[in-house]
């Protein structure tokens, strides 16, 4: 049993370490007015990189990737979009469609389908 417990610990420990944002990312977030220790950012960082596609090309996004490219607007959209989809998965009916900074580029294919259903629901509710 000891080797199994050690293996589980190693997987959990190294998985958590792999998704932790770099000090450079944390510093850049502070520079642009975002608290890297806020609950939204911590939750987003814990998700790790997002693998998706854009026009058929594979894409990977994370706070580290966007910060390394100094994409301030991309970071704002990434945070807003990932927060929206996280809340949507938790409680589909109570979540409002974002009014700003939403970009489906930062969603997986499955998440785009879920968001699409929410947008359709929002359109039909306004009739």
N, C-alpha and C. Protein backbone atom coordinates (compact mmCIF):
# COMPACT_ATOMS: atom_id res chain seq x y z
N UNK A 1 0.83 -1.21 0.00
CA UNK A 1 0.00 0.00 0.00
C UNK A 1 0.86 1.26 0.00
N UNK A 2 2.03 1.19 0.61
CA UNK A 2 2.88 2.36 0.66
C UNK A 2 3.27 2.87 -0.72
N UNK A 3 3.68 1.99 -1.65
CA UNK A 3 4.04 2.50 -2.99
C UNK A 3 2.87 3.19 -3.67
N UNK A 4 1.66 2.68 -3.49
CA UNK A 4 0.48 3.30 -4.10
C UNK A 4 0.24 4.69 -3.52
N UNK A 5 0.34 4.81 -2.20
CA UNK A 5 0.16 6.12 -1.57
C UNK A 5 1.21 7.10 -2.04
N UNK A 6 2.43 6.64 -2.17
CA UNK A 6 3.50 7.51 -2.65
C UNK A 6 3.25 7.94 -4.10
N UNK A 7 2.77 7.02 -4.91
CA UNK A 7 2.48 7.34 -6.31
C UNK A 7 1.36 8.37 -6.42
N UNK A 8 0.32 8.20 -5.62
CA UNK A 8 -0.80 9.16 -5.63
C UNK A 8 -0.30 10.53 -5.19
N UNK A 9 0.49 10.59 -4.13
CA UNK A 9 1.04 11.85 -3.65
C UNK A 9 1.86 12.52 -4.74
N UNK A 10 2.71 11.76 -5.43
CA UNK A 10 3.57 12.32 -6.47
C UNK A 10 2.75 12.91 -7.61
N UNK A 11 1.71 12.20 -8.02
CA UNK A 11 0.86 12.70 -9.11
C UNK A 11 0.18 13.99 -8.71
N UNK A 12 -0.39 14.02 -7.51
CA UNK A 12 -1.08 15.23 -7.04
C UNK A 12 -0.08 16.37 -6.88
N UNK A 13 1.05 16.12 -6.27
CA UNK A 13 2.04 17.16 -6.03
C UNK A 13 2.57 17.75 -7.32
N UNK A 14 2.96 16.89 -8.25
CA UNK A 14 3.54 17.39 -9.50
C UNK A 14 2.50 18.00 -10.42
N UNK A 15 1.26 17.54 -10.37
CA UNK A 15 0.20 18.15 -11.16
C UNK A 15 -0.08 19.56 -10.69
N UNK A 16 -0.14 19.74 -9.38
CA UNK A 16 -0.39 21.08 -8.83
C UNK A 16 0.76 22.01 -9.17
N UNK A 17 1.99 21.52 -9.06
CA UNK A 17 3.14 22.36 -9.35
C UNK A 17 3.19 22.75 -10.82
N UNK A 18 2.74 21.86 -11.69
CA UNK A 18 2.79 22.14 -13.12
C UNK A 18 1.83 23.25 -13.53
N UNK A 19 0.73 23.42 -12.82
CA UNK A 19 -0.24 24.43 -13.21
C UNK A 19 -0.06 25.75 -12.48
N UNK A 20 0.88 25.82 -11.56
CA UNK A 20 1.10 27.06 -10.83
C UNK A 20 1.69 28.12 -11.76
N UNK A 21 1.14 29.32 -11.70
CA UNK A 21 1.63 30.38 -12.58
C UNK A 21 3.05 30.76 -12.21
N UNK A 22 3.76 31.23 -13.19
CA UNK A 22 5.15 31.64 -12.96
C UNK A 22 5.18 32.97 -12.22
N UNK A 23 6.30 33.26 -11.55
CA UNK A 23 6.44 34.57 -10.89
C UNK A 23 6.34 35.72 -11.90
N UNK A 24 6.81 35.50 -13.12
CA UNK A 24 6.73 36.54 -14.16
C UNK A 24 5.28 36.83 -14.52
N UNK A 25 4.46 35.78 -14.57
CA UNK A 25 3.04 35.98 -14.85
C UNK A 25 2.39 36.76 -13.72
N UNK A 26 2.66 36.37 -12.49
CA UNK A 26 2.09 37.08 -11.34
C UNK A 26 2.50 38.55 -11.35
N UNK A 27 3.75 38.81 -11.67
CA UNK A 27 4.23 40.19 -11.72
C UNK A 27 3.52 40.97 -12.84
N UNK A 28 3.37 40.37 -14.01
CA UNK A 28 2.70 41.05 -15.11
C UNK A 28 1.24 41.32 -14.77
N UNK A 29 0.57 40.36 -14.14
CA UNK A 29 -0.82 40.58 -13.75
C UNK A 29 -0.92 41.78 -12.80
N UNK A 30 -0.01 41.88 -11.86
CA UNK A 30 -0.01 43.04 -10.95
C UNK A 30 0.19 44.34 -11.73
N UNK A 31 1.10 44.31 -12.69
CA UNK A 31 1.38 45.51 -13.50
C UNK A 31 0.14 46.01 -14.23
N UNK A 32 -0.71 45.09 -14.65
CA UNK A 32 -1.91 45.50 -15.40
C UNK A 32 -3.14 45.61 -14.50
N UNK A 33 -2.91 45.56 -13.17
CA UNK A 33 -3.99 45.81 -12.23
C UNK A 33 -4.82 44.60 -11.85
N UNK A 34 -4.29 43.40 -12.01
CA UNK A 34 -5.02 42.18 -11.66
C UNK A 34 -4.32 41.51 -10.49
N UNK A 35 -5.06 41.16 -9.48
CA UNK A 35 -4.50 40.50 -8.30
C UNK A 35 -4.32 39.01 -8.60
N UNK A 36 -3.09 38.52 -8.71
CA UNK A 36 -2.87 37.12 -9.04
C UNK A 36 -3.30 36.15 -7.93
N UNK A 37 -3.60 36.70 -6.75
CA UNK A 37 -4.03 35.86 -5.64
C UNK A 37 -5.53 35.90 -5.40
N UNK A 38 -6.27 36.60 -6.29
CA UNK A 38 -7.73 36.64 -6.14
C UNK A 38 -8.30 35.25 -6.41
N UNK A 39 -9.47 34.99 -5.86
CA UNK A 39 -10.07 33.66 -6.00
C UNK A 39 -10.32 33.29 -7.46
N UNK A 40 -10.73 34.26 -8.29
CA UNK A 40 -10.97 33.97 -9.71
C UNK A 40 -9.68 33.56 -10.42
N UNK A 41 -8.59 34.24 -10.13
CA UNK A 41 -7.32 33.94 -10.78
C UNK A 41 -6.76 32.62 -10.28
N UNK A 42 -6.87 32.35 -8.99
CA UNK A 42 -6.41 31.08 -8.44
C UNK A 42 -7.18 29.92 -9.07
N UNK A 43 -8.50 30.07 -9.20
CA UNK A 43 -9.32 29.02 -9.83
C UNK A 43 -8.94 28.84 -11.29
N UNK A 44 -8.72 29.94 -11.98
CA UNK A 44 -8.33 29.89 -13.40
C UNK A 44 -6.98 29.22 -13.56
N UNK A 45 -6.04 29.56 -12.71
CA UNK A 45 -4.72 28.96 -12.77
C UNK A 45 -4.78 27.47 -12.50
N UNK A 46 -5.67 27.06 -11.60
CA UNK A 46 -5.81 25.64 -11.26
C UNK A 46 -6.34 24.83 -12.45
N UNK A 47 -7.09 25.47 -13.34
CA UNK A 47 -7.59 24.77 -14.54
C UNK A 47 -6.45 24.33 -15.44
N UNK A 48 -5.36 25.06 -15.39
CA UNK A 48 -4.24 24.76 -16.29
C UNK A 48 -4.52 25.28 -17.69
N UNK A 49 -3.68 24.92 -18.63
CA UNK A 49 -3.86 25.39 -20.01
C UNK A 49 -5.14 24.86 -20.64
N UNK A 50 -5.71 25.67 -21.52
CA UNK A 50 -6.92 25.30 -22.25
C UNK A 50 -6.51 24.91 -23.66
N UNK A 51 -6.80 23.69 -24.05
CA UNK A 51 -6.51 23.23 -25.40
C UNK A 51 -7.79 23.32 -26.22
N UNK A 52 -7.71 24.01 -27.34
CA UNK A 52 -8.88 24.23 -28.17
C UNK A 52 -8.44 24.32 -29.62
N UNK A 53 -9.29 24.83 -30.47
CA UNK A 53 -8.91 25.04 -31.86
C UNK A 53 -9.51 26.34 -32.35
N UNK A 54 -8.87 26.91 -33.34
CA UNK A 54 -9.35 28.14 -33.96
C UNK A 54 -9.21 27.96 -35.46
N UNK A 55 -10.31 28.00 -36.17
CA UNK A 55 -10.33 27.79 -37.62
C UNK A 55 -9.60 26.49 -38.00
N UNK A 56 -9.80 25.46 -37.17
CA UNK A 56 -9.21 24.16 -37.45
C UNK A 56 -7.79 23.97 -36.95
N UNK A 57 -7.15 25.04 -36.49
CA UNK A 57 -5.78 24.94 -35.99
C UNK A 57 -5.80 24.73 -34.48
N UNK A 58 -4.98 23.81 -33.96
CA UNK A 58 -4.94 23.63 -32.51
C UNK A 58 -4.34 24.85 -31.83
N UNK A 59 -4.89 25.20 -30.69
CA UNK A 59 -4.43 26.35 -29.91
C UNK A 59 -4.39 25.95 -28.43
N UNK A 60 -3.47 26.51 -27.69
CA UNK A 60 -3.39 26.34 -26.25
C UNK A 60 -3.26 27.71 -25.61
N UNK A 61 -4.08 27.95 -24.60
CA UNK A 61 -4.08 29.23 -23.90
C UNK A 61 -3.95 29.02 -22.41
N UNK A 62 -3.27 29.92 -21.76
CA UNK A 62 -3.18 29.95 -20.29
C UNK A 62 -2.78 31.37 -19.90
N UNK A 63 -2.88 31.66 -18.63
CA UNK A 63 -2.42 32.97 -18.16
C UNK A 63 -0.94 33.14 -18.45
N UNK A 64 -0.15 32.08 -18.25
CA UNK A 64 1.29 32.17 -18.50
C UNK A 64 1.58 32.49 -19.97
N UNK A 65 0.89 31.82 -20.87
CA UNK A 65 1.11 32.05 -22.30
C UNK A 65 0.74 33.48 -22.67
N UNK A 66 -0.43 33.92 -22.25
CA UNK A 66 -0.88 35.27 -22.60
C UNK A 66 -0.01 36.34 -21.96
N UNK A 67 0.41 36.12 -20.71
CA UNK A 67 1.28 37.10 -20.03
C UNK A 67 2.64 37.17 -20.70
N UNK A 68 3.17 36.03 -21.12
CA UNK A 68 4.49 36.04 -21.78
C UNK A 68 4.44 36.82 -23.09
N UNK A 69 3.25 36.89 -23.69
CA UNK A 69 3.06 37.64 -24.94
C UNK A 69 2.59 39.07 -24.67
N UNK A 70 2.45 39.43 -23.39
CA UNK A 70 2.00 40.77 -22.98
C UNK A 70 0.66 41.14 -23.61
N UNK A 71 -0.26 40.18 -23.63
CA UNK A 71 -1.57 40.38 -24.23
C UNK A 71 -2.59 40.80 -23.17
N UNK A 72 -2.53 42.06 -22.81
CA UNK A 72 -3.39 42.60 -21.75
C UNK A 72 -4.87 42.38 -22.05
N UNK A 73 -5.30 42.70 -23.26
CA UNK A 73 -6.71 42.51 -23.62
C UNK A 73 -7.07 41.03 -23.69
N UNK A 74 -6.14 40.22 -24.15
CA UNK A 74 -6.35 38.78 -24.19
C UNK A 74 -6.52 38.20 -22.79
N UNK A 75 -5.72 38.70 -21.86
CA UNK A 75 -5.83 38.25 -20.47
C UNK A 75 -7.19 38.63 -19.90
N UNK A 76 -7.64 39.84 -20.16
CA UNK A 76 -8.95 40.28 -19.66
C UNK A 76 -10.06 39.40 -20.23
N UNK A 77 -9.99 39.11 -21.51
CA UNK A 77 -10.99 38.25 -22.15
C UNK A 77 -10.90 36.82 -21.64
N UNK A 78 -9.68 36.32 -21.46
CA UNK A 78 -9.46 34.96 -20.96
C UNK A 78 -10.08 34.81 -19.57
N UNK A 79 -9.81 35.77 -18.69
CA UNK A 79 -10.34 35.73 -17.32
C UNK A 79 -11.87 35.78 -17.34
N UNK A 80 -12.44 36.71 -18.09
CA UNK A 80 -13.90 36.86 -18.14
C UNK A 80 -14.57 35.63 -18.76
N UNK A 81 -14.01 35.13 -19.84
CA UNK A 81 -14.61 33.99 -20.54
C UNK A 81 -14.52 32.72 -19.73
N UNK A 82 -13.35 32.46 -19.14
CA UNK A 82 -13.18 31.25 -18.34
C UNK A 82 -14.04 31.32 -17.07
N UNK A 83 -14.17 32.51 -16.48
CA UNK A 83 -15.04 32.66 -15.32
C UNK A 83 -16.50 32.41 -15.68
N UNK A 84 -16.91 32.94 -16.83
CA UNK A 84 -18.28 32.73 -17.31
C UNK A 84 -18.56 31.25 -17.49
N UNK A 85 -17.67 30.53 -18.17
CA UNK A 85 -17.94 29.12 -18.46
C UNK A 85 -17.90 28.28 -17.18
N UNK A 86 -17.05 28.64 -16.23
CA UNK A 86 -17.00 27.92 -14.96
C UNK A 86 -18.33 28.06 -14.23
N UNK A 87 -18.84 29.30 -14.17
CA UNK A 87 -20.13 29.54 -13.51
C UNK A 87 -21.28 28.88 -14.28
N UNK A 88 -21.20 28.90 -15.61
CA UNK A 88 -22.25 28.30 -16.44
C UNK A 88 -22.34 26.79 -16.20
N UNK A 89 -21.20 26.16 -16.06
CA UNK A 89 -21.19 24.71 -15.79
C UNK A 89 -21.78 24.40 -14.41
N UNK A 90 -21.60 25.31 -13.47
CA UNK A 90 -22.10 25.10 -12.11
C UNK A 90 -23.61 25.32 -12.01
N UNK A 91 -24.13 26.33 -12.72
CA UNK A 91 -25.55 26.67 -12.61
C UNK A 91 -26.01 27.36 -13.89
N UNK A 92 -26.35 26.58 -14.88
CA UNK A 92 -26.68 27.07 -16.21
C UNK A 92 -27.76 28.15 -16.19
N UNK A 93 -28.82 27.93 -15.44
CA UNK A 93 -29.97 28.85 -15.50
C UNK A 93 -29.76 30.18 -14.80
N UNK A 94 -28.86 30.24 -13.84
CA UNK A 94 -28.69 31.48 -13.07
C UNK A 94 -27.59 32.40 -13.59
N UNK A 95 -26.84 31.95 -14.57
CA UNK A 95 -25.70 32.73 -15.07
C UNK A 95 -26.15 33.65 -16.20
N UNK A 96 -25.70 34.90 -16.13
CA UNK A 96 -26.00 35.87 -17.18
C UNK A 96 -24.92 35.84 -18.25
N UNK A 97 -25.31 36.20 -19.45
CA UNK A 97 -24.35 36.30 -20.55
C UNK A 97 -23.46 37.50 -20.28
N UNK A 98 -22.15 37.34 -20.43
CA UNK A 98 -21.24 38.47 -20.16
C UNK A 98 -21.51 39.65 -21.10
N UNK A 99 -21.39 40.83 -20.56
CA UNK A 99 -21.60 42.04 -21.35
C UNK A 99 -20.30 42.57 -21.95
N UNK A 100 -19.16 42.12 -21.42
CA UNK A 100 -17.86 42.61 -21.91
C UNK A 100 -16.81 41.52 -21.77
N UNK A 101 -15.79 41.62 -22.59
CA UNK A 101 -14.60 40.77 -22.53
C UNK A 101 -14.83 39.30 -22.83
N UNK A 102 -15.99 38.92 -23.34
CA UNK A 102 -16.23 37.52 -23.69
C UNK A 102 -15.58 37.23 -25.04
N UNK A 103 -14.86 36.11 -25.13
CA UNK A 103 -14.27 35.69 -26.40
C UNK A 103 -14.27 34.17 -26.45
N UNK A 104 -15.07 33.61 -27.34
CA UNK A 104 -15.21 32.16 -27.47
C UNK A 104 -13.90 31.48 -27.87
N UNK A 105 -12.92 32.25 -28.29
CA UNK A 105 -11.60 31.69 -28.61
C UNK A 105 -11.04 30.94 -27.40
N UNK A 106 -11.38 31.37 -26.20
CA UNK A 106 -10.83 30.79 -24.98
C UNK A 106 -11.70 29.68 -24.40
N UNK A 107 -12.53 29.06 -25.23
CA UNK A 107 -13.36 27.94 -24.83
C UNK A 107 -12.99 26.70 -25.64
N UNK A 108 -13.19 25.54 -25.03
CA UNK A 108 -13.03 24.30 -25.78
C UNK A 108 -14.24 24.15 -26.71
N UNK A 109 -14.17 23.21 -27.61
CA UNK A 109 -15.29 22.98 -28.54
C UNK A 109 -16.57 22.66 -27.77
N UNK A 110 -16.47 21.80 -26.76
CA UNK A 110 -17.64 21.44 -25.96
C UNK A 110 -18.18 22.65 -25.20
N UNK A 111 -17.28 23.47 -24.68
CA UNK A 111 -17.71 24.67 -23.95
C UNK A 111 -18.38 25.67 -24.89
N UNK A 112 -17.93 25.75 -26.13
CA UNK A 112 -18.58 26.64 -27.10
C UNK A 112 -20.02 26.20 -27.34
N UNK A 113 -20.25 24.90 -27.38
CA UNK A 113 -21.61 24.40 -27.57
C UNK A 113 -22.48 24.77 -26.37
N UNK A 114 -21.95 24.61 -25.18
CA UNK A 114 -22.69 24.97 -23.97
C UNK A 114 -23.00 26.47 -23.96
N UNK A 115 -22.01 27.29 -24.26
CA UNK A 115 -22.21 28.74 -24.30
C UNK A 115 -23.23 29.11 -25.38
N UNK A 116 -23.17 28.43 -26.50
CA UNK A 116 -24.14 28.67 -27.58
C UNK A 116 -25.56 28.43 -27.12
N UNK A 117 -25.77 27.36 -26.36
CA UNK A 117 -27.10 27.09 -25.81
C UNK A 117 -27.55 28.21 -24.89
N UNK A 118 -26.61 28.76 -24.11
CA UNK A 118 -26.95 29.86 -23.21
C UNK A 118 -27.33 31.11 -24.00
N UNK A 119 -26.57 31.40 -25.07
CA UNK A 119 -26.89 32.57 -25.89
C UNK A 119 -28.24 32.41 -26.57
N UNK A 120 -28.56 31.21 -27.05
CA UNK A 120 -29.88 30.96 -27.64
C UNK A 120 -30.97 31.14 -26.60
N UNK A 121 -30.73 30.64 -25.41
CA UNK A 121 -31.70 30.82 -24.32
C UNK A 121 -31.91 32.31 -24.04
N UNK A 122 -30.84 33.08 -24.06
CA UNK A 122 -30.94 34.52 -23.81
C UNK A 122 -31.73 35.22 -24.91
N UNK A 123 -31.55 34.80 -26.15
CA UNK A 123 -32.28 35.40 -27.27
C UNK A 123 -33.76 35.06 -27.22
N UNK A 124 -34.07 33.81 -26.92
CA UNK A 124 -35.48 33.42 -26.90
C UNK A 124 -36.22 33.97 -25.68
N UNK A 125 -35.49 34.24 -24.59
CA UNK A 125 -36.11 34.81 -23.39
C UNK A 125 -36.49 36.27 -23.61
N UNK A 126 -35.81 36.94 -24.56
CA UNK A 126 -36.07 38.36 -24.80
C UNK A 126 -37.18 38.60 -25.81
N UNK A 127 -37.82 37.55 -26.29
CA UNK A 127 -38.89 37.73 -27.28
C UNK A 127 -40.21 37.95 -26.63
